[in-house]
Every structure is written in structure tokens, then in C-alpha cells.
Protein backbone atom coordinates (compact mmCIF):
# COMPACT_ATOMS: atom_id res chain seq x y z
CA MET A 1 56.08 -142.13 93.41
CA THR A 2 58.70 -142.71 91.18
CA PRO A 3 58.33 -144.47 87.79
CA THR A 4 60.03 -147.62 89.21
CA GLU A 5 57.63 -147.49 92.26
CA ILE A 6 54.71 -147.09 89.92
CA GLY A 7 56.03 -150.08 87.35
CA ALA A 8 56.23 -152.17 90.60
CA LEU A 9 52.86 -151.47 91.77
CA ILE A 10 51.26 -152.46 88.39
CA ARG A 11 53.43 -155.75 88.28
CA ASP A 12 52.44 -156.76 91.79
CA THR A 13 48.83 -156.02 91.17
CA ARG A 14 48.61 -157.62 87.87
CA LYS A 15 50.35 -160.84 89.31
CA ARG A 16 47.64 -160.81 92.43
CA GLN A 17 44.93 -160.73 89.87
CA GLY A 18 46.58 -163.73 88.00
CA LEU A 19 46.99 -161.97 84.62
CA LEU A 20 49.83 -162.56 82.02
CA GLN A 21 51.33 -159.20 80.71
CA ALA A 22 49.81 -160.18 77.39
CA GLU A 23 46.48 -160.34 78.82
CA LEU A 24 46.63 -157.11 80.82
CA ALA A 25 48.19 -155.35 77.43
CA ALA A 26 45.17 -156.60 75.63
CA ALA A 27 42.46 -155.55 78.51
CA SER A 28 44.16 -152.15 78.65
CA GLY A 29 44.42 -151.39 74.67
CA VAL A 30 48.36 -150.91 74.82
CA GLY A 31 51.10 -152.83 73.35
CA LEU A 32 52.89 -155.74 75.42
CA ARG A 33 56.19 -153.76 74.94
CA PHE A 34 54.78 -150.75 76.46
CA LEU A 35 53.57 -152.81 79.55
CA ILE A 36 56.99 -154.55 79.71
CA GLU A 37 58.70 -151.15 79.92
CA LEU A 38 56.04 -149.60 82.34
CA GLU A 39 56.65 -152.42 84.61
CA ALA A 40 60.27 -152.08 84.42
CA GLY A 41 59.91 -148.39 85.43
CA LYS A 42 60.40 -146.70 82.00
CA PRO A 43 60.23 -143.07 83.11
CA THR A 44 59.01 -141.56 79.74
CA ALA A 45 55.69 -143.50 79.54
CA ARG A 46 52.56 -141.85 78.22
CA ILE A 47 50.30 -140.61 80.98
CA GLY A 48 47.38 -141.56 79.20
CA LYS A 49 48.47 -145.15 78.52
CA VAL A 50 49.56 -145.49 82.11
CA LEU A 51 46.14 -144.47 83.26
CA ASP A 52 44.50 -147.14 80.83
CA VAL A 53 46.68 -149.55 82.45
CA LEU A 54 45.78 -148.67 85.92
CA ALA A 55 42.11 -148.35 85.14
CA ALA A 56 42.13 -151.95 83.61
CA LEU A 57 43.26 -153.10 86.80
CA GLY A 58 40.61 -151.40 88.95
CA CYS A 59 43.14 -149.04 90.34
CA LYS A 60 41.99 -145.47 91.43
CA VAL A 61 44.55 -142.58 91.06
CA GLN A 62 44.18 -139.52 93.23
CA ILE A 63 46.12 -136.47 93.11
CA LEU A 64 46.36 -134.33 96.35
CA THR A 65 47.20 -130.52 95.71
CA PRO A 66 48.76 -128.72 98.22
CA GLU A 67 46.65 -126.80 100.50
CA ALA A 68 46.58 -122.98 99.71
CA GLY A 69 48.14 -120.95 102.55
């Protein structure tokens, strides 16, 4: 996924849950400006904060490693 796709996923999930950006930012422990930039696809967003936002939305992150071979 690209930063833009992650931002869109977060925005769409937030809207489906009926949350305002300020509400999600507060629930995630991040600043409103960070969340706005994250939803806009900022490529330099800090991974820890991104994970906090995803967790607040109830999203699960799965990383699949390539098979040895």
C-alpha cells in the first residue's frame, strides 16, 4: 500500500464509524494536524502514530513476509 492508500483507508473507516477528525485524533492520542496530514497521504508520517490511529479505529495490521525459498 502507498501512503495515499493508507490515508484513504483511514479516512473512509473514520467516516464509516461516524467520527470527526478531532474525535479520532483524541482517541488515538495524536494531534489533529497529524491526522489531517495522514489522511492526505503524507509519506513521512511516524509509524508509531499511524499504528495508534489504526488501533483506535479497530483496524488490524498484518505483515506478510516472503516465503524462504
